[in-house]
PDB file of all heavy atoms in Angstrom:
ATOM      1  N   GLY A   1     -40.650  84.657  37.301  1.00  0.00           N
ATOM      2  CA  GLY A   1     -40.211  85.671  36.345  1.00  0.00           C
ATOM      3  C   GLY A   1     -39.339  85.045  35.276  1.00  0.00           C
ATOM      4  O   GLY A   1     -38.599  84.101  35.550  1.00  0.00           O
ATOM      5  N   ARG A   2     -39.430  85.580  34.065  1.00  0.00           N
ATOM      6  CA  ARG A   2     -38.597  85.099  32.960  1.00  0.00           C
ATOM      7  C   ARG A   2     -38.024  86.281  32.200  1.00  0.00           C
ATOM      8  O   ARG A   2     -38.675  87.307  32.052  1.00  0.00           O
ATOM      9  CB  ARG A   2     -39.420  84.242  31.994  1.00  0.00           C
ATOM     10  CG  ARG A   2     -39.881  82.942  32.586  1.00  0.00           C
ATOM     11  CD  ARG A   2     -40.706  82.143  31.601  1.00  0.00           C
ATOM     12  NE  ARG A   2     -41.323  81.005  32.274  1.00  0.00           N
ATOM     13  CZ  ARG A   2     -42.470  81.049  32.921  1.00  0.00           C
ATOM     14  NH1 ARG A   2     -43.137  82.181  32.998  1.00  0.00           N
ATOM     15  NH2 ARG A   2     -42.957  79.985  33.506  1.00  0.00           N
ATOM     16  N   ARG A   3     -36.786  86.094  31.686  1.00  0.00           N
ATOM     17  CA  ARG A   3     -36.143  87.112  30.852  1.00  0.00           C
ATOM     18  C   ARG A   3     -35.060  86.423  30.058  1.00  0.00           C
ATOM     19  O   ARG A   3     -34.238  85.710  30.623  1.00  0.00           O
ATOM     20  CB  ARG A   3     -35.550  88.210  31.735  1.00  0.00           C
ATOM     21  CG  ARG A   3     -34.587  89.160  31.047  1.00  0.00           C
ATOM     22  CD  ARG A   3     -35.344  90.214  30.253  1.00  0.00           C
ATOM     23  NE  ARG A   3     -34.506  91.360  29.958  1.00  0.00           N
ATOM     24  CZ  ARG A   3     -33.706  91.441  28.898  1.00  0.00           C
ATOM     25  NH1 ARG A   3     -33.604  90.442  28.058  1.00  0.00           N
ATOM     26  NH2 ARG A   3     -33.004  92.522  28.681  1.00  0.00           N
ATOM     27  N   LYS A   4     -35.034  86.622  28.739  1.00  0.00           N
ATOM     28  CA  LYS A   4     -34.113  85.916  27.845  1.00  0.00           C
ATOM     29  C   LYS A   4     -34.244  84.414  28.117  1.00  0.00           C
ATOM     30  O   LYS A   4     -35.326  83.867  27.958  1.00  0.00           O
ATOM     31  CB  LYS A   4     -32.683  86.401  28.037  1.00  0.00           C
ATOM     32  CG  LYS A   4     -32.446  87.827  27.567  1.00  0.00           C
ATOM     33  CD  LYS A   4     -30.976  88.165  27.657  1.00  0.00           C
ATOM     34  CE  LYS A   4     -30.679  89.522  27.083  1.00  0.00           C
ATOM     35  NZ  LYS A   4     -29.259  89.844  27.142  1.00  0.00           N
ATOM     36  N   SER A   5     -33.179  83.750  28.554  1.00  0.00           N
ATOM     37  CA  SER A   5     -33.308  82.320  28.852  1.00  0.00           C
ATOM     38  C   SER A   5     -33.275  82.059  30.352  1.00  0.00           C
ATOM     39  O   SER A   5     -33.123  80.920  30.780  1.00  0.00           O
ATOM     40  CB  SER A   5     -32.196  81.531  28.158  1.00  0.00           C
ATOM     41  OG  SER A   5     -30.939  81.969  28.612  1.00  0.00           O
ATOM     42  N   ALA A   6     -33.406  83.109  31.156  1.00  0.00           N
ATOM     43  CA  ALA A   6     -33.364  82.979  32.617  1.00  0.00           C
ATOM     44  C   ALA A   6     -34.776  82.801  33.176  1.00  0.00           C
ATOM     45  O   ALA A   6     -35.720  83.431  32.706  1.00  0.00           O
ATOM     46  CB  ALA A   6     -32.717  84.201  33.245  1.00  0.00           C
ATOM     47  N   VAL A   7     -34.886  81.938  34.177  1.00  0.00           N
ATOM     48  CA  VAL A   7     -36.158  81.716  34.865  1.00  0.00           C
ATOM     49  C   VAL A   7     -35.896  81.817  36.360  1.00  0.00           C
ATOM     50  O   VAL A   7     -34.939  81.230  36.871  1.00  0.00           O
ATOM     51  CB  VAL A   7     -36.742  80.317  34.545  1.00  0.00           C
ATOM     52  CG1 VAL A   7     -38.038  80.096  35.292  1.00  0.00           C
ATOM     53  CG2 VAL A   7     -36.946  80.159  33.062  1.00  0.00           C
ATOM     54  N   ALA A   8     -36.722  82.560  37.073  1.00  0.00           N
ATOM     55  CA  ALA A   8     -36.572  82.710  38.521  1.00  0.00           C
ATOM     56  C   ALA A   8     -37.884  82.381  39.210  1.00  0.00           C
ATOM     57  O   ALA A   8     -38.931  82.929  38.863  1.00  0.00           O
ATOM     58  CB  ALA A   8     -36.146  84.127  38.867  1.00  0.00           C
ATOM     59  N   ARG A   9     -37.812  81.453  40.178  1.00  0.00           N
ATOM     60  CA  ARG A   9     -38.962  81.156  41.022  1.00  0.00           C
ATOM     61  C   ARG A   9     -38.733  81.868  42.346  1.00  0.00           C
ATOM     62  O   ARG A   9     -37.793  81.558  43.068  1.00  0.00           O
ATOM     63  CB  ARG A   9     -39.103  79.647  41.195  1.00  0.00           C
ATOM     64  CG  ARG A   9     -39.423  78.955  39.878  1.00  0.00           C
ATOM     65  CD  ARG A   9     -39.828  77.519  40.058  1.00  0.00           C
ATOM     66  NE  ARG A   9     -38.888  76.733  40.837  1.00  0.00           N
ATOM     67  CZ  ARG A   9     -37.982  75.905  40.305  1.00  0.00           C
ATOM     68  NH1 ARG A   9     -37.883  75.789  39.003  1.00  0.00           N
ATOM     69  NH2 ARG A   9     -37.194  75.201  41.080  1.00  0.00           N
ATOM     70  N   VAL A  10     -39.598  82.829  42.648  1.00  0.00           N
ATOM     71  CA  VAL A  10     -39.407  83.730  43.788  1.00  0.00           C
ATOM     72  C   VAL A  10     -40.453  83.436  44.855  1.00  0.00           C
ATOM     73  O   VAL A  10     -41.630  83.257  44.551  1.00  0.00           O
ATOM     74  CB  VAL A  10     -39.533  85.206  43.326  1.00  0.00           C
ATOM     75  CG1 VAL A  10     -39.364  86.148  44.488  1.00  0.00           C
ATOM     76  CG2 VAL A  10     -38.525  85.503  42.232  1.00  0.00           C
ATOM     77  N   ARG A  11     -39.987  83.380  46.116  1.00  0.00           N
ATOM     78  CA  ARG A  11     -40.889  83.267  47.261  1.00  0.00           C
ATOM     79  C   ARG A  11     -40.700  84.493  48.143  1.00  0.00           C
ATOM     80  O   ARG A  11     -39.572  84.864  48.456  1.00  0.00           O
ATOM     81  CB  ARG A  11     -40.567  82.028  48.083  1.00  0.00           C
ATOM     82  CG  ARG A  11     -41.025  80.748  47.465  1.00  0.00           C
ATOM     83  CD  ARG A  11     -40.785  79.571  48.370  1.00  0.00           C
ATOM     84  NE  ARG A  11     -39.338  79.372  48.520  1.00  0.00           N
ATOM     85  CZ  ARG A  11     -38.780  78.605  49.435  1.00  0.00           C
ATOM     86  NH1 ARG A  11     -39.521  77.970  50.309  1.00  0.00           N
ATOM     87  NH2 ARG A  11     -37.474  78.469  49.487  1.00  0.00           N
ATOM     88  N   LEU A  12     -41.794  85.108  48.534  1.00  0.00           N
ATOM     89  CA  LEU A  12     -41.769  86.213  49.502  1.00  0.00           C
ATOM     90  C   LEU A  12     -42.323  85.681  50.812  1.00  0.00           C
ATOM     91  O   LEU A  12     -43.436  85.157  50.857  1.00  0.00           O
ATOM     92  CB  LEU A  12     -42.634  87.383  49.036  1.00  0.00           C
ATOM     93  CG  LEU A  12     -42.084  88.283  47.955  1.00  0.00           C
ATOM     94  CD1 LEU A  12     -43.056  89.429  47.719  1.00  0.00           C
ATOM     95  CD2 LEU A  12     -40.731  88.825  48.298  1.00  0.00           C
ATOM     96  N   ILE A  13     -41.517  85.818  51.868  1.00  0.00           N
ATOM     97  CA  ILE A  13     -41.916  85.344  53.194  1.00  0.00           C
ATOM     98  C   ILE A  13     -41.784  86.513  54.162  1.00  0.00           C
ATOM     99  O   ILE A  13     -40.769  87.210  54.138  1.00  0.00           O
ATOM    100  CB  ILE A  13     -41.004  84.183  53.650  1.00  0.00           C
ATOM    101  CG1 ILE A  13     -41.092  83.032  52.640  1.00  0.00           C
ATOM    102  CG2 ILE A  13     -41.370  83.700  55.031  1.00  0.00           C
ATOM    103  CD1 ILE A  13     -40.084  81.942  52.870  1.00  0.00           C
ATOM    104  N   PRO A  14     -42.770  86.758  55.017  1.00  0.00           N
ATOM    105  CA  PRO A  14     -42.615  87.830  55.995  1.00  0.00           C
ATOM    106  C   PRO A  14     -41.339  87.627  56.808  1.00  0.00           C
ATOM    107  O   PRO A  14     -41.076  86.533  57.302  1.00  0.00           O
ATOM    108  CB  PRO A  14     -43.863  87.703  56.869  1.00  0.00           C
ATOM    109  CG  PRO A  14     -44.867  87.026  55.999  1.00  0.00           C
ATOM    110  CD  PRO A  14     -44.083  86.102  55.111  1.00  0.00           C
ATOM    111  N   GLY A  15     -40.542  88.678  56.901  1.00  0.00           N
ATOM    112  CA  GLY A  15     -39.258  88.577  57.604  1.00  0.00           C
ATOM    113  C   GLY A  15     -38.620  89.945  57.762  1.00  0.00           C
ATOM    114  O   GLY A  15     -39.311  90.957  57.827  1.00  0.00           O
ATOM    115  N   GLU A  16     -37.274  89.948  57.753  1.00  0.00           N
ATOM    116  CA  GLU A  16     -36.561  91.203  57.998  1.00  0.00           C
ATOM    117  C   GLU A  16     -35.785  91.700  56.792  1.00  0.00           C
ATOM    118  O   GLU A  16     -34.899  92.536  56.924  1.00  0.00           O
ATOM    119  CB  GLU A  16     -35.632  91.066  59.211  1.00  0.00           C
ATOM    120  CG  GLU A  16     -34.545  90.015  59.077  1.00  0.00           C
ATOM    121  CD  GLU A  16     -34.984  88.639  59.533  1.00  0.00           C
ATOM    122  OE1 GLU A  16     -36.099  88.489  60.070  1.00  0.00           O
ATOM    123  OE2 GLU A  16     -34.208  87.702  59.315  1.00  0.00           O
ATOM    124  N   GLY A  17     -36.074  91.202  55.592  1.00  0.00           N
ATOM    125  CA  GLY A  17     -35.438  91.731  54.391  1.00  0.00           C
ATOM    126  C   GLY A  17     -34.251  90.941  53.889  1.00  0.00           C
ATOM    127  O   GLY A  17     -33.436  91.474  53.138  1.00  0.00           O
ATOM    128  N   LYS A  18     -34.119  89.666  54.262  1.00  0.00           N
ATOM    129  CA  LYS A  18     -33.026  88.843  53.738  1.00  0.00           C
ATOM    130  C   LYS A  18     -33.269  88.560  52.259  1.00  0.00           C
ATOM    131  O   LYS A  18     -34.410  88.502  51.809  1.00  0.00           O
ATOM    132  CB  LYS A  18     -32.922  87.515  54.495  1.00  0.00           C
ATOM    133  CG  LYS A  18     -32.319  87.636  55.872  1.00  0.00           C
ATOM    134  CD  LYS A  18     -31.996  86.280  56.447  1.00  0.00           C
ATOM    135  CE  LYS A  18     -33.289  85.577  56.821  1.00  0.00           C
ATOM    136  NZ  LYS A  18     -33.068  84.328  57.547  1.00  0.00           N
ATOM    137  N   PHE A  19     -32.170  88.364  51.527  1.00  0.00           N
ATOM    138  CA  PHE A  19     -32.243  88.110  50.097  1.00  0.00           C
ATOM    139  C   PHE A  19     -31.320  86.938  49.776  1.00  0.00           C
ATOM    140  O   PHE A  19     -30.107  87.052  49.905  1.00  0.00           O
ATOM    141  CB  PHE A  19     -31.835  89.381  49.345  1.00  0.00           C
ATOM    142  CG  PHE A  19     -31.794  89.232  47.855  1.00  0.00           C
ATOM    143  CD1 PHE A  19     -32.783  88.564  47.179  1.00  0.00           C
ATOM    144  CD2 PHE A  19     -30.757  89.789  47.136  1.00  0.00           C
ATOM    145  CE1 PHE A  19     -32.737  88.433  45.800  1.00  0.00           C
ATOM    146  CE2 PHE A  19     -30.702  89.672  45.766  1.00  0.00           C
ATOM    147  CZ  PHE A  19     -31.692  88.998  45.097  1.00  0.00           C
ATOM    148  N   ILE A  20     -31.891  85.793  49.402  1.00  0.00           N
ATOM    149  CA  ILE A  20     -31.114  84.578  49.169  1.00  0.00           C
ATOM    150  C   ILE A  20     -31.413  84.052  47.765  1.00  0.00           C
ATOM    151  O   ILE A  20     -32.570  83.882  47.392  1.00  0.00           O
ATOM    152  CB  ILE A  20     -31.438  83.505  50.226  1.00  0.00           C
ATOM    153  CG1 ILE A  20     -31.032  84.020  51.603  1.00  0.00           C
ATOM    154  CG2 ILE A  20     -30.730  82.196  49.904  1.00  0.00           C
ATOM    155  CD1 ILE A  20     -31.514  83.194  52.747  1.00  0.00           C
ATOM    156  N   VAL A  21     -30.343  83.824  46.984  1.00  0.00           N
ATOM    157  CA  VAL A  21     -30.467  83.297  45.623  1.00  0.00           C
ATOM    158  C   VAL A  21     -29.706  81.983  45.544  1.00  0.00           C
ATOM    159  O   VAL A  21     -28.499  81.950  45.824  1.00  0.00           O
ATOM    160  CB  VAL A  21     -29.901  84.282  44.580  1.00  0.00           C
ATOM    161  CG1 VAL A  21     -30.080  83.737  43.180  1.00  0.00           C
ATOM    162  CG2 VAL A  21     -30.550  85.640  44.715  1.00  0.00           C
ATOM    163  N   ASN A  22     -30.386  80.913  45.178  1.00  0.00           N
ATOM    164  CA  ASN A  22     -29.770  79.587  45.039  1.00  0.00           C
ATOM    165  C   ASN A  22     -28.950  79.194  46.264  1.00  0.00           C
ATOM    166  O   ASN A  22     -27.856  78.646  46.152  1.00  0.00           O
ATOM    167  CB  ASN A  22     -28.899  79.528  43.785  1.00  0.00           C
ATOM    168  CG  ASN A  22     -29.708  79.641  42.515  1.00  0.00           C
ATOM    169  OD1 ASN A  22     -30.928  79.513  42.532  1.00  0.00           O
ATOM    170  ND2 ASN A  22     -29.050  79.888  41.412  1.00  0.00           N
ATOM    171  N   GLY A  23     -29.450  79.506  47.450  1.00  0.00           N
ATOM    172  CA  GLY A  23     -28.784  79.127  48.687  1.00  0.00           C
ATOM    173  C   GLY A  23     -27.664  80.058  49.116  1.00  0.00           C
ATOM    174  O   GLY A  23     -27.076  79.865  50.177  1.00  0.00           O
ATOM    175  N   LYS A  24     -27.343  81.073  48.319  1.00  0.00           N
ATOM    176  CA  LYS A  24     -26.292  82.039  48.660  1.00  0.00           C
ATOM    177  C   LYS A  24     -26.923  83.379  49.013  1.00  0.00           C
ATOM    178  O   LYS A  24     -28.027  83.690  48.570  1.00  0.00           O
ATOM    179  CB  LYS A  24     -25.365  82.293  47.464  1.00  0.00           C
ATOM    180  CG  LYS A  24     -24.402  81.209  47.132  1.00  0.00           C
ATOM    181  CD  LYS A  24     -23.518  81.712  46.003  1.00  0.00           C
ATOM    182  CE  LYS A  24     -22.496  80.693  45.589  1.00  0.00           C
ATOM    183  NZ  LYS A  24     -21.678  81.187  44.474  1.00  0.00           N
ATOM    184  N   ASP A  25     -26.190  84.183  49.767  1.00  0.00           N
ATOM    185  CA  ASP A  25     -26.630  85.549  50.032  1.00  0.00           C
ATOM    186  C   ASP A  25     -26.723  86.290  48.700  1.00  0.00           C
ATOM    187  O   ASP A  25     -25.837  86.165  47.845  1.00  0.00           O
ATOM    188  CB  ASP A  25     -25.639  86.242  50.977  1.00  0.00           C
ATOM    189  CG  ASP A  25     -26.048  87.657  51.296  1.00  0.00           C
ATOM    190  OD1 ASP A  25     -27.207  87.873  51.693  1.00  0.00           O
ATOM    191  OD2 ASP A  25     -25.216  88.558  51.126  1.00  0.00           O
ATOM    192  N   GLY A  26     -27.778  87.053  48.512  1.00  0.00           N
ATOM    193  CA  GLY A  26     -27.997  87.753  47.248  1.00  0.00           C
ATOM    194  C   GLY A  26     -26.881  88.717  46.890  1.00  0.00           C
ATOM    195  O   GLY A  26     -26.545  88.886  45.718  1.00  0.00           O
ATOM    196  N   ASN A  27     -26.282  89.361  47.897  1.00  0.00           N
ATOM    197  CA  ASN A  27     -25.182  90.293  47.630  1.00  0.00           C
ATOM    198  C   ASN A  27     -23.979  89.552  47.043  1.00  0.00           C
ATOM    199  O   ASN A  27     -23.321  90.050  46.132  1.00  0.00           O
ATOM    200  CB  ASN A  27     -24.768  91.015  48.911  1.00  0.00           C
ATOM    201  CG  ASN A  27     -25.858  91.944  49.404  1.00  0.00           C
ATOM    202  OD1 ASN A  27     -26.514  92.605  48.621  1.00  0.00           O
ATOM    203  ND2 ASN A  27     -26.053  91.978  50.704  1.00  0.00           N
ATOM    204  N   LEU A  28     -23.683  88.373  47.575  1.00  0.00           N
ATOM    205  CA  LEU A  28     -22.579  87.576  47.045  1.00  0.00           C
ATOM    206  C   LEU A  28     -22.900  87.058  45.652  1.00  0.00           C
ATOM    207  O   LEU A  28     -22.045  87.084  44.764  1.00  0.00           O
ATOM    208  CB  LEU A  28     -22.280  86.386  47.965  1.00  0.00           C
ATOM    209  CG  LEU A  28     -21.524  86.673  49.245  1.00  0.00           C
ATOM    210  CD1 LEU A  28     -21.432  85.423  50.105  1.00  0.00           C
ATOM    211  CD2 LEU A  28     -20.134  87.180  48.923  1.00  0.00           C
ATOM    212  N   TYR A  29     -24.113  86.582  45.462  1.00  0.00           N
ATOM    213  CA  TYR A  29     -24.495  85.999  44.177  1.00  0.00           C
ATOM    214  C   TYR A  29     -24.378  87.030  43.058  1.00  0.00           C
ATOM    215  O   TYR A  29     -23.896  86.732  41.976  1.00  0.00           O
ATOM    216  CB  TYR A  29     -25.925  85.461  44.261  1.00  0.00           C
ATOM    217  CG  TYR A  29     -26.325  84.652  43.050  1.00  0.00           C
ATOM    218  CD1 TYR A  29     -26.010  83.305  42.959  1.00  0.00           C
ATOM    219  CD2 TYR A  29     -27.024  85.236  41.998  1.00  0.00           C
ATOM    220  CE1 TYR A  29     -26.373  82.551  41.853  1.00  0.00           C
ATOM    221  CE2 TYR A  29     -27.392  84.492  40.882  1.00  0.00           C
ATOM    222  CZ  TYR A  29     -27.056  83.159  40.821  1.00  0.00           C
ATOM    223  OH  TYR A  29     -27.411  82.421  39.714  1.00  0.00           O
ATOM    224  N   PHE A  30     -24.830  88.250  43.328  1.00  0.00           N
ATOM    225  CA  PHE A  30     -24.753  89.309  42.322  1.00  0.00           C
ATOM    226  C   PHE A  30     -23.503  90.164  42.481  1.00  0.00           C
ATOM    227  O   PHE A  30     -23.443  91.284  41.982  1.00  0.00           O
ATOM    228  CB  PHE A  30     -26.028  90.164  42.349  1.00  0.00           C
ATOM    229  CG  PHE A  30     -27.202  89.460  41.751  1.00  0.00           C
ATOM    230  CD1 PHE A  30     -28.196  88.948  42.552  1.00  0.00           C
ATOM    231  CD2 PHE A  30     -27.291  89.277  40.392  1.00  0.00           C
ATOM    232  CE1 PHE A  30     -29.276  88.275  41.993  1.00  0.00           C
ATOM    233  CE2 PHE A  30     -28.364  88.610  39.820  1.00  0.00           C
ATOM    234  CZ  PHE A  30     -29.357  88.105  40.630  1.00  0.00           C
ATOM    235  N   GLN A  31     -22.494  89.651  43.185  1.00  0.00           N
ATOM    236  CA  GLN A  31     -21.159  90.243  43.289  1.00  0.00           C
ATOM    237  C   GLN A  31     -21.189  91.691  43.781  1.00  0.00           C
ATOM    238  O   GLN A  31     -20.438  92.526  43.315  1.00  0.00           O
ATOM    239  CB  GLN A  31     -20.462  90.154  41.930  1.00  0.00           C
ATOM    240  CG  GLN A  31     -20.400  88.739  41.425  1.00  0.00           C
ATOM    241  CD  GLN A  31     -20.138  88.649  39.942  1.00  0.00           C
ATOM    242  OE1 GLN A  31     -19.985  89.651  39.262  1.00  0.00           O
ATOM    243  NE2 GLN A  31     -20.077  87.444  39.441  1.00  0.00           N
ATOM    244  N   PHE A  32     -22.095  91.981  44.701  1.00  0.00           N
ATOM    245  CA  PHE A  32     -22.237  93.304  45.309  1.00  0.00           C
ATOM    246  C   PHE A  32     -22.468  94.391  44.254  1.00  0.00           C
ATOM    247  O   PHE A  32     -22.099  95.546  44.455  1.00  0.00           O
ATOM    248  CB  PHE A  32     -21.022  93.654  46.176  1.00  0.00           C
ATOM    249  CG  PHE A  32     -20.879  92.753  47.376  1.00  0.00           C
ATOM    250  CD1 PHE A  32     -20.048  91.658  47.336  1.00  0.00           C
ATOM    251  CD2 PHE A  32     -21.615  92.990  48.522  1.00  0.00           C
ATOM    252  CE1 PHE A  32     -19.919  90.811  48.432  1.00  0.00           C
ATOM    253  CE2 PHE A  32     -21.502  92.166  49.623  1.00  0.00           C
ATOM    254  CZ  PHE A  32     -20.658  91.069  49.581  1.00  0.00           C
ATOM    255  N   ASN A  33     -23.046  94.032  43.120  1.00  0.00           N
ATOM    256  CA  ASN A  33     -23.326  94.992  42.056  1.00  0.00           C
ATOM    257  C   ASN A  33     -24.601  95.756  42.413  1.00  0.00           C
ATOM    258  O   ASN A  33     -25.694  95.189  42.437  1.00  0.00           O
ATOM    259  CB  ASN A  33     -23.479  94.263  40.721  1.00  0.00           C
ATOM    260  CG  ASN A  33     -23.590  95.211  39.552  1.00  0.00           C
ATOM    261  OD1 ASN A  33     -24.213  96.259  39.644  1.00  0.00           O
ATOM    262  ND2 ASN A  33     -22.988  94.836  38.438  1.00  0.00           N
ATOM    263  N   ALA A  34     -24.444  97.055  42.670  1.00  0.00           N
ATOM    264  CA  ALA A  34     -25.575  97.875  43.119  1.00  0.00           C
ATOM    265  C   ALA A  34     -26.670  97.964  42.062  1.00  0.00           C
ATOM    266  O   ALA A  34     -27.851  98.084  42.397  1.00  0.00           O
ATOM    267  CB  ALA A  34     -25.090  99.272  43.496  1.00  0.00           C
ATOM    268  N   ASN A  35     -26.282  97.900  40.783  1.00  0.00           N
ATOM    269  CA  ASN A  35     -27.298  97.977  39.722  1.00  0.00           C
ATOM    270  C   ASN A  35     -28.255  96.793  39.794  1.00  0.00           C
ATOM    271  O   ASN A  35     -29.473  96.969  39.732  1.00  0.00           O
ATOM    272  CB  ASN A  35     -26.633  97.998  38.340  1.00  0.00           C
ATOM    273  CG  ASN A  35     -25.855  99.271  38.109  1.00  0.00           C
ATOM    274  OD1 ASN A  35     -26.152 100.305  38.688  1.00  0.00           O
ATOM    275  ND2 ASN A  35     -24.844  99.192  37.274  1.00  0.00           N
ATOM    276  N   TYR A  36     -27.707  95.585  39.912  1.00  0.00           N
ATOM    277  CA  TYR A  36     -28.555  94.391  39.974  1.00  0.00           C
ATOM    278  C   TYR A  36     -29.397  94.393  41.245  1.00  0.00           C
ATOM    279  O   TYR A  36     -30.592  94.094  41.219  1.00  0.00           O
ATOM    280  CB  TYR A  36     -27.710  93.119  39.942  1.00  0.00           C
ATOM    281  CG  TYR A  36     -26.987  92.873  38.641  1.00  0.00           C
ATOM    282  CD1 TYR A  36     -25.700  92.350  38.628  1.00  0.00           C
ATOM    283  CD2 TYR A  36     -27.577  93.152  37.426  1.00  0.00           C
ATOM    284  CE1 TYR A  36     -25.031  92.106  37.443  1.00  0.00           C
ATOM    285  CE2 TYR A  36     -26.922  92.917  36.227  1.00  0.00           C
ATOM    286  CZ  TYR A  36     -25.651  92.392  36.245  1.00  0.00           C
ATOM    287  OH  TYR A  36     -24.993  92.157  35.067  1.00  0.00           O
ATOM    288  N   LEU A  37     -28.780  94.717  42.369  1.00  0.00           N
ATOM    289  CA  LEU A  37     -29.500  94.672  43.646  1.00  0.00           C
ATOM    290  C   LEU A  37     -30.603  95.725  43.694  1.00  0.00           C
ATOM    291  O   LEU A  37     -31.699  95.472  44.195  1.00  0.00           O
ATOM    292  CB  LEU A  37     -28.515  94.854  44.801  1.00  0.00           C
ATOM    293  CG  LEU A  37     -27.449  93.753  44.911  1.00  0.00           C
ATOM    294  CD1 LEU A  37     -26.398  94.123  45.932  1.00  0.00           C
ATOM    295  CD2 LEU A  37     -28.084  92.425  45.243  1.00  0.00           C
ATOM    296  N   GLY A  38     -30.328  96.918  43.157  1.00  0.00           N
ATOM    297  CA  GLY A  38     -31.346  97.969  43.111  1.00  0.00           C
ATOM    298  C   GLY A  38     -32.496  97.587  42.199  1.00  0.00           C
ATOM    299  O   GLY A  38     -33.666  97.855  42.492  1.00  0.00           O
ATOM    300  N   LEU A  39     -32.168  96.943  41.091  1.00  0.00           N
ATOM    301  CA  LEU A  39     -33.169  96.499  40.130  1.00  0.00           C
ATOM    302  C   LEU A  39     -34.126  95.505  40.770  1.00  0.00           C
ATOM    303  O   LEU A  39     -35.347  95.594  40.611  1.00  0.00           O
ATOM    304  CB  LEU A  39     -32.440  95.833  38.952  1.00  0.00           C
ATOM    305  CG  LEU A  39     -33.198  95.505  37.698  1.00  0.00           C
ATOM    306  CD1 LEU A  39     -33.469  96.794  36.931  1.00  0.00           C
ATOM    307  CD2 LEU A  39     -32.387  94.553  36.846  1.00  0.00           C
ATOM    308  N   ILE A  40     -33.560  94.567  41.529  1.00  0.00           N
ATOM    309  CA  ILE A  40     -34.360  93.499  42.138  1.00  0.00           C
ATOM    310  C   ILE A  40     -35.264  94.038  43.244  1.00  0.00           C
ATOM    311  O   ILE A  40     -36.419  93.639  43.370  1.00  0.00           O
ATOM    312  CB  ILE A  40     -33.424  92.406  42.691  1.00  0.00           C
ATOM    313  CG1 ILE A  40     -32.758  91.677  41.521  1.00  0.00           C
ATOM    314  CG2 ILE A  40     -34.163  91.442  43.588  1.00  0.00           C
ATOM    315  CD1 ILE A  40     -31.552  90.878  41.907  1.00  0.00           C
ATOM    316  N   LYS A  41     -34.758  94.969  44.039  1.00  0.00           N
ATOM    317  CA  LYS A  41     -35.527  95.469  45.185  1.00  0.00           C
ATOM    318  C   LYS A  41     -36.441  96.633  44.828  1.00  0.00           C
ATOM    319  O   LYS A  41     -37.195  97.117  45.674  1.00  0.00           O
ATOM    320  CB  LYS A  41     -34.569  95.853  46.306  1.00  0.00           C
ATOM    321  CG  LYS A  41     -33.822  94.626  46.829  1.00  0.00           C
ATOM    322  CD  LYS A  41     -33.020  94.899  48.051  1.00  0.00           C
ATOM    323  CE  LYS A  41     -32.364  93.595  48.502  1.00  0.00           C
ATOM    324  NZ  LYS A  41     -31.629  93.695  49.706  1.00  0.00           N
TER     325      LYS A  41
END
């Protein structure tokens, strides 16, 4: 995915719903911002 100058390479793997961005938990990476997390999911 691309937007403005951001590029994201996304892998979907069968699992239990974990979300990891650049080696960090997705909630921490996006600072627990519900808008970003809702947008992504």
